[in-house]
Amino acid sequence: MRIFRGSPKWNAVLSGILLMYAVCSSDGVEPAAGTSILPVKGVKDSVQQEELQLKPEFVPIRELIDGKKPLKWLFMGDSITMGSGTTFGYRDYTQLFAEHVRMEMGRKQDIVINSGVSGDNTNRLLSGFDWRVKQFQPDVVFLMVGMNDCTINDPKRSVSRKDFRANLEKMVKLVRDIPSCKLILQTTCPILPGSTPEREPQFEEYMNIIREVAKANACPLVDHTKFWCEAAKSNPAVHYFWMGHAYHPNQFGHRVFAELIFKELGIFNPEDPKAYTCRFFHP
């Protein structure tokens, strides 16, 4: 099993550690509880029910899911959303989302589109918006970006903090100009400590800008960065287990992405026998 992009020896070591971890521990990491608005469909356990309450900003999305109208879901972003390379052939988080919503939840007429492109920043997302988003007239758009924008002194990737904020504001407007379309902003996976000096120093500032834009525009936010950092405080090893590269998640990281999205949308139900995507192992 390959879990990290690197030498075979390093992968063998990590695989052995991971096997020991899987045998010795079945504990998961839960995100912070949200504000109580709507219950999670099919969840009976009172403790789990309390942990999975919807935040107010996610209620309109949940109402779409509970409706009968087929939905078009679109994920836009960079290589992390594209699922480039470091999933090693396993499903990325957008594919796990599609499996859960379309098959496990029975919404077979829903369409899930992934328009992520490796190397992209907010400038390219804006210039390609009509092709990658508007033409599909989606009902819900997930936006995960910033890993390339935060790069220091790279003409192909770097976007200043001022322009990054302005670009996000423009994308909020462009998405909302699509009739009845909802936008969900996302932060991304943290960078492995000390691995990427051209990105790491500014990374958290860019994630904070995403949080600020989400708050200012009343956008739902899936804060993966916060969740991963809180998980790493309890067990620093999980960050390494979830990454296939310094700033790209592996298959386990994508499962963690998908699980947090399911929980924020109120559709995480591991008790459902059909919901295999809610029970995938990750360290």
Protein backbone atom coordinates (compact mmCIF):
# COMPACT_ATOMS: atom_id res chain seq x y z
CA MET A 1 0.00 0.00 0.00
CA ARG A 2 1.46 3.34 -1.01
CA ILE A 3 0.48 6.25 1.24
CA PHE A 4 3.18 8.86 0.62
CA ARG A 5 4.84 10.14 -2.53
CA GLY A 6 8.48 9.29 -1.97
CA SER A 7 10.93 6.41 -1.78
CA PRO A 8 9.70 2.80 -1.52
CA LYS A 9 11.60 2.46 1.78
CA TRP A 10 9.76 5.46 3.29
CA ASN A 11 6.43 4.10 2.10
CA ALA A 12 7.19 0.69 3.62
CA VAL A 13 7.96 2.30 6.98
CA LEU A 14 4.82 4.40 6.92
CA SER A 15 2.69 1.48 5.79
CA GLY A 16 3.95 -0.62 8.71
CA ILE A 17 3.25 2.13 11.20
CA LEU A 18 -0.19 2.63 9.70
CA LEU A 19 -1.00 -1.07 9.97
CA MET A 20 -0.03 -1.04 13.65
CA TYR A 21 -2.16 2.07 14.15
CA ALA A 22 -5.17 0.45 12.48
CA VAL A 23 -4.89 -2.67 14.63
CA CYS A 24 -4.37 -0.82 17.91
CA SER A 25 -6.82 2.04 17.55
CA SER A 26 -10.30 2.56 16.16
CA ASP A 27 -10.86 6.01 17.66
CA GLY A 28 -11.82 8.81 15.28
CA VAL A 29 -11.54 12.59 15.59
CA GLU A 30 -14.77 14.53 15.68
CA PRO A 31 -15.16 18.18 14.64
CA ALA A 32 -16.52 20.77 17.02
CA ALA A 33 -20.27 20.74 17.49
CA GLY A 34 -22.29 23.29 15.55
CA THR A 35 -25.43 25.22 16.28
CA SER A 36 -28.60 23.13 16.60
CA ILE A 37 -30.96 23.72 13.69
CA LEU A 38 -31.99 20.51 11.92
CA PRO A 39 -31.44 16.89 12.95
CA VAL A 40 -29.38 14.52 10.86
CA LYS A 41 -31.55 12.16 8.89
CA GLY A 42 -31.52 8.60 10.20
CA VAL A 43 -29.21 9.17 13.17
CA LYS A 44 -30.76 7.78 16.35
CA ASP A 45 -27.96 7.95 18.93
CA SER A 46 -28.51 11.05 21.08
CA VAL A 47 -24.80 11.80 21.59
CA GLN A 48 -24.01 11.52 17.89
CA GLN A 49 -27.15 13.52 17.09
CA GLU A 50 -25.96 16.41 19.24
CA GLU A 51 -22.54 16.44 17.57
CA LEU A 52 -24.04 16.58 14.08
CA GLN A 53 -26.42 19.53 14.42
CA LEU A 54 -26.48 21.84 11.44
CA LYS A 55 -25.10 25.35 11.52
CA PRO A 56 -27.65 27.94 10.30
CA GLU A 57 -25.78 28.75 7.10
CA PHE A 58 -25.97 25.11 5.97
CA VAL A 59 -29.75 24.85 6.36
CA PRO A 60 -30.57 25.97 2.76
CA ILE A 61 -28.21 23.29 1.40
CA ARG A 62 -29.78 20.63 3.58
CA GLU A 63 -33.23 21.70 2.39
CA LEU A 64 -32.10 21.15 -1.20
CA ILE A 65 -30.88 17.67 -0.27
CA ASP A 66 -34.18 16.86 1.41
CA GLY A 67 -36.12 17.99 -1.67
CA LYS A 68 -37.00 15.95 -4.72
CA LYS A 69 -35.42 18.14 -7.39
CA PRO A 70 -32.26 16.61 -8.94
CA LEU A 71 -29.25 18.77 -8.15
CA LYS A 72 -26.04 19.69 -9.95
CA TRP A 73 -23.10 19.85 -7.53
CA LEU A 74 -19.87 21.45 -8.73
CA PHE A 75 -16.44 21.39 -7.07
CA MET A 76 -13.94 24.00 -8.25
CA GLY A 77 -10.35 24.44 -7.13
CA ASP A 78 -6.75 23.44 -7.72
CA SER A 79 -4.87 20.11 -7.75
CA ILE A 80 -6.19 19.18 -4.30
CA THR A 81 -9.76 19.19 -5.62
CA MET A 82 -8.63 17.65 -8.90
CA GLY A 83 -7.23 14.73 -6.87
CA SER A 84 -3.89 14.87 -8.63
CA GLY A 85 -1.43 12.03 -8.13
CA THR A 86 -1.28 11.69 -4.38
CA THR A 87 -4.49 9.66 -4.03
CA PHE A 88 -2.58 6.80 -5.73
CA GLY A 89 -5.67 5.64 -7.62
CA TYR A 90 -8.06 5.86 -4.67
CA ARG A 91 -11.11 8.12 -4.79
CA ASP A 92 -10.73 11.80 -4.06
CA TYR A 93 -13.19 13.68 -1.86
CA THR A 94 -15.42 14.78 -4.75
CA GLN A 95 -15.80 11.16 -5.89
CA LEU A 96 -16.60 10.06 -2.33
CA PHE A 97 -19.22 12.82 -2.20
CA ALA A 98 -20.75 11.61 -5.47
CA GLU A 99 -20.87 8.02 -4.23
CA HIS A 100 -22.54 9.01 -0.97
CA VAL A 101 -25.13 11.40 -2.41
CA ARG A 102 -26.02 9.58 -5.62
CA MET A 103 -25.85 5.94 -4.57
CA GLU A 104 -25.95 5.67 -0.80
CA MET A 105 -28.55 8.41 -0.34
CA GLY A 106 -30.50 7.40 -3.44
CA ARG A 107 -30.24 10.74 -5.27
CA LYS A 108 -29.36 8.97 -8.53
CA GLN A 109 -30.34 11.84 -10.80
CA ASP A 110 -27.94 14.26 -9.12
CA ILE A 111 -24.85 15.21 -11.13
CA VAL A 112 -21.47 15.86 -9.49
CA ILE A 113 -18.90 17.82 -11.49
CA ASN A 114 -15.22 18.30 -10.63
CA SER A 115 -13.66 21.25 -12.47
CA GLY A 116 -10.50 21.44 -10.35
CA VAL A 117 -7.28 22.07 -12.29
CA SER A 118 -3.77 21.43 -11.01
CA GLY A 119 -1.72 24.58 -10.43
CA ASP A 120 -4.66 26.95 -10.43
CA ASN A 121 -5.03 30.04 -8.30
CA THR A 122 -7.90 32.52 -7.95
CA ASN A 123 -6.79 34.46 -11.04
CA ARG A 124 -7.18 31.38 -13.24
CA LEU A 125 -10.43 30.37 -11.56
CA LEU A 126 -11.88 33.77 -12.41
CA SER A 127 -10.64 33.77 -16.01
CA GLY A 128 -12.03 30.26 -16.55
CA PHE A 129 -15.25 30.74 -14.62
CA ASP A 130 -17.63 30.60 -17.60
CA TRP A 131 -16.16 27.33 -18.90
CA ARG A 132 -15.61 25.61 -15.57
CA VAL A 133 -18.70 26.76 -13.68
CA LYS A 134 -21.27 28.95 -15.41
CA GLN A 135 -21.97 26.70 -18.40
CA PHE A 136 -23.17 23.94 -16.04
CA GLN A 137 -25.65 26.19 -14.16
CA PRO A 138 -25.00 24.31 -10.90
CA ASP A 139 -27.25 24.34 -7.86
CA VAL A 140 -24.36 24.17 -5.37
CA VAL A 141 -20.71 25.14 -5.83
CA PHE A 142 -17.89 24.09 -3.48
CA LEU A 143 -14.79 26.29 -3.75
CA MET A 144 -11.43 25.18 -2.30
CA VAL A 145 -8.48 27.38 -3.23
CA GLY A 146 -5.47 29.18 -1.78
CA MET A 147 -2.63 26.66 -1.73
CA ASN A 148 -1.09 28.14 -4.87
CA ASP A 149 -2.10 31.75 -4.20
CA CYS A 150 -0.06 31.79 -0.97
CA THR A 151 3.18 30.87 -2.77
CA ILE A 152 5.93 33.47 -2.33
CA ASN A 153 7.58 35.02 -5.43
CA ASP A 154 6.21 32.60 -8.02
CA PRO A 155 4.92 34.49 -11.11
CA LYS A 156 2.73 31.53 -12.16
CA ARG A 157 1.06 30.99 -8.79
CA SER A 158 1.47 33.89 -6.36
CA VAL A 159 -1.51 36.15 -5.72
CA SER A 160 -1.19 38.96 -3.19
CA ARG A 161 -3.39 38.89 -0.10
CA LYS A 162 -5.26 41.96 -1.35
CA ASP A 163 -5.94 40.40 -4.75
CA PHE A 164 -6.79 37.03 -3.19
CA ARG A 165 -9.51 38.67 -1.10
CA ALA A 166 -10.80 40.66 -4.08
CA ASN A 167 -10.83 37.54 -6.26
CA LEU A 168 -12.82 35.60 -3.68
CA GLU A 169 -15.34 38.42 -3.42
CA LYS A 170 -15.72 38.39 -7.22
CA MET A 171 -16.28 34.63 -7.23
CA VAL A 172 -18.93 34.92 -4.54
CA LYS A 173 -20.79 37.39 -6.76
CA LEU A 174 -20.32 35.35 -9.94
CA VAL A 175 -21.66 32.18 -8.30
CA ARG A 176 -24.59 34.01 -6.76
CA ASP A 177 -25.43 35.52 -10.15
CA ILE A 178 -26.24 31.98 -11.31
CA PRO A 179 -29.98 31.56 -10.62
CA SER A 180 -30.65 29.84 -7.25
CA CYS A 181 -27.02 28.71 -6.92
CA LYS A 182 -25.52 28.27 -3.44
CA LEU A 183 -21.82 28.66 -2.68
CA ILE A 184 -19.87 26.73 -0.03
CA LEU A 185 -16.37 28.02 0.70
CA GLN A 186 -13.68 25.67 1.99
CA THR A 187 -10.27 26.01 3.54
CA THR A 188 -7.79 23.31 2.58
CA CYS A 189 -5.37 20.86 4.21
CA PRO A 190 -2.51 22.38 6.24
CA ILE A 191 1.03 22.08 4.90
CA LEU A 192 3.33 19.56 6.57
CA PRO A 193 5.45 21.57 9.02
CA GLY A 194 8.81 22.73 7.70
CA SER A 195 8.34 21.14 4.28
CA THR A 196 7.50 24.03 1.99
CA PRO A 197 9.17 27.35 2.88
CA GLU A 198 7.78 29.07 -0.22
CA ARG A 199 4.16 28.45 0.90
CA GLU A 200 4.02 27.77 4.63
CA PRO A 201 4.81 31.30 5.97
CA GLN A 202 1.69 32.85 4.39
CA PHE A 203 -0.64 29.85 4.34
CA GLU A 204 -2.62 30.60 7.49
CA GLU A 205 -3.14 34.24 6.46
CA TYR A 206 -4.79 33.09 3.23
CA MET A 207 -7.00 30.63 5.09
CA ASN A 208 -8.05 33.48 7.41
CA ILE A 209 -9.02 35.54 4.37
CA ILE A 210 -11.29 32.71 3.23
CA ARG A 211 -12.91 32.67 6.68
CA GLU A 212 -13.38 36.45 6.63
CA VAL A 213 -14.92 36.44 3.15
CA ALA A 214 -17.26 33.61 4.17
CA LYS A 215 -18.37 35.54 7.25
CA ALA A 216 -18.78 38.85 5.43
CA ASN A 217 -20.93 37.23 2.73
CA ALA A 218 -22.83 34.79 5.00
CA CYS A 219 -21.39 31.85 3.03
CA PRO A 220 -21.31 28.36 4.52
CA LEU A 221 -17.72 27.43 5.34
CA VAL A 222 -16.20 23.97 5.64
CA ASP A 223 -13.06 24.74 7.63
CA HIS A 224 -10.82 21.77 6.85
CA THR A 225 -7.70 23.64 8.00
CA LYS A 226 -9.10 24.20 11.47
CA PHE A 227 -10.29 20.61 11.78
CA TRP A 228 -6.94 19.15 10.67
CA CYS A 229 -4.99 21.43 13.02
CA GLU A 230 -7.21 20.48 15.97
CA ALA A 231 -6.80 16.79 15.12
CA ALA A 232 -3.01 17.19 14.95
CA LYS A 233 -2.96 18.80 18.40
CA SER A 234 -4.42 15.60 19.85
CA ASN A 235 -2.22 13.33 17.72
CA PRO A 236 0.49 14.99 15.57
CA ALA A 237 0.96 11.77 13.56
CA VAL A 238 -2.44 12.02 11.86
CA HIS A 239 -1.34 14.98 9.75
CA TYR A 240 1.41 12.83 8.22
CA PHE A 241 -0.91 9.85 7.79
CA TRP A 242 -3.39 12.02 5.90
CA MET A 243 -0.85 13.51 3.46
CA GLY A 244 0.63 12.06 0.28
CA HIS A 245 2.90 15.05 -0.27
CA ALA A 246 3.93 18.21 1.56
CA TYR A 247 0.69 19.98 0.61
CA HIS A 248 -1.50 17.33 -1.03
CA PRO A 249 -3.70 14.86 0.88
CA ASN A 250 -3.54 11.14 0.18
CA GLN A 251 -6.55 8.82 0.11
CA PHE A 252 -6.96 9.09 3.88
CA GLY A 253 -6.87 12.88 3.74
CA HIS A 254 -9.57 12.88 1.07
CA ARG A 255 -11.71 10.63 3.28
CA VAL A 256 -11.27 13.16 6.09
CA PHE A 257 -12.30 15.96 3.71
CA ALA A 258 -15.42 14.05 2.65
CA GLU A 259 -16.37 13.11 6.20
CA LEU A 260 -16.25 16.72 7.40
CA ILE A 261 -18.37 17.84 4.43
CA PHE A 262 -20.92 15.11 5.21
CA LYS A 263 -21.06 16.23 8.84
CA GLU A 264 -21.45 19.91 7.97
CA LEU A 265 -24.28 19.08 5.56
CA GLY A 266 -25.94 16.77 8.09
CA ILE A 267 -25.62 13.69 5.88
CA PHE A 268 -23.03 11.71 7.84
CA ASN A 269 -24.69 8.49 8.96
CA PRO A 270 -22.32 5.58 9.63
CA GLU A 271 -25.23 3.57 11.07
CA ASP A 272 -26.82 3.29 7.63
CA PRO A 273 -25.75 -0.11 6.18
CA LYS A 274 -25.57 1.45 2.70
CA ALA A 275 -23.32 4.35 3.76
CA TYR A 276 -19.92 2.77 3.17
CA THR A 277 -18.34 6.19 2.57
CA CYS A 278 -19.22 7.13 6.16
CA ARG A 279 -17.30 4.13 7.49
CA PHE A 280 -14.07 4.18 5.48
CA PHE A 281 -11.00 3.78 7.63
CA HIS A 282 -8.65 6.66 8.14
CA PRO A 283 -6.03 7.06 10.90
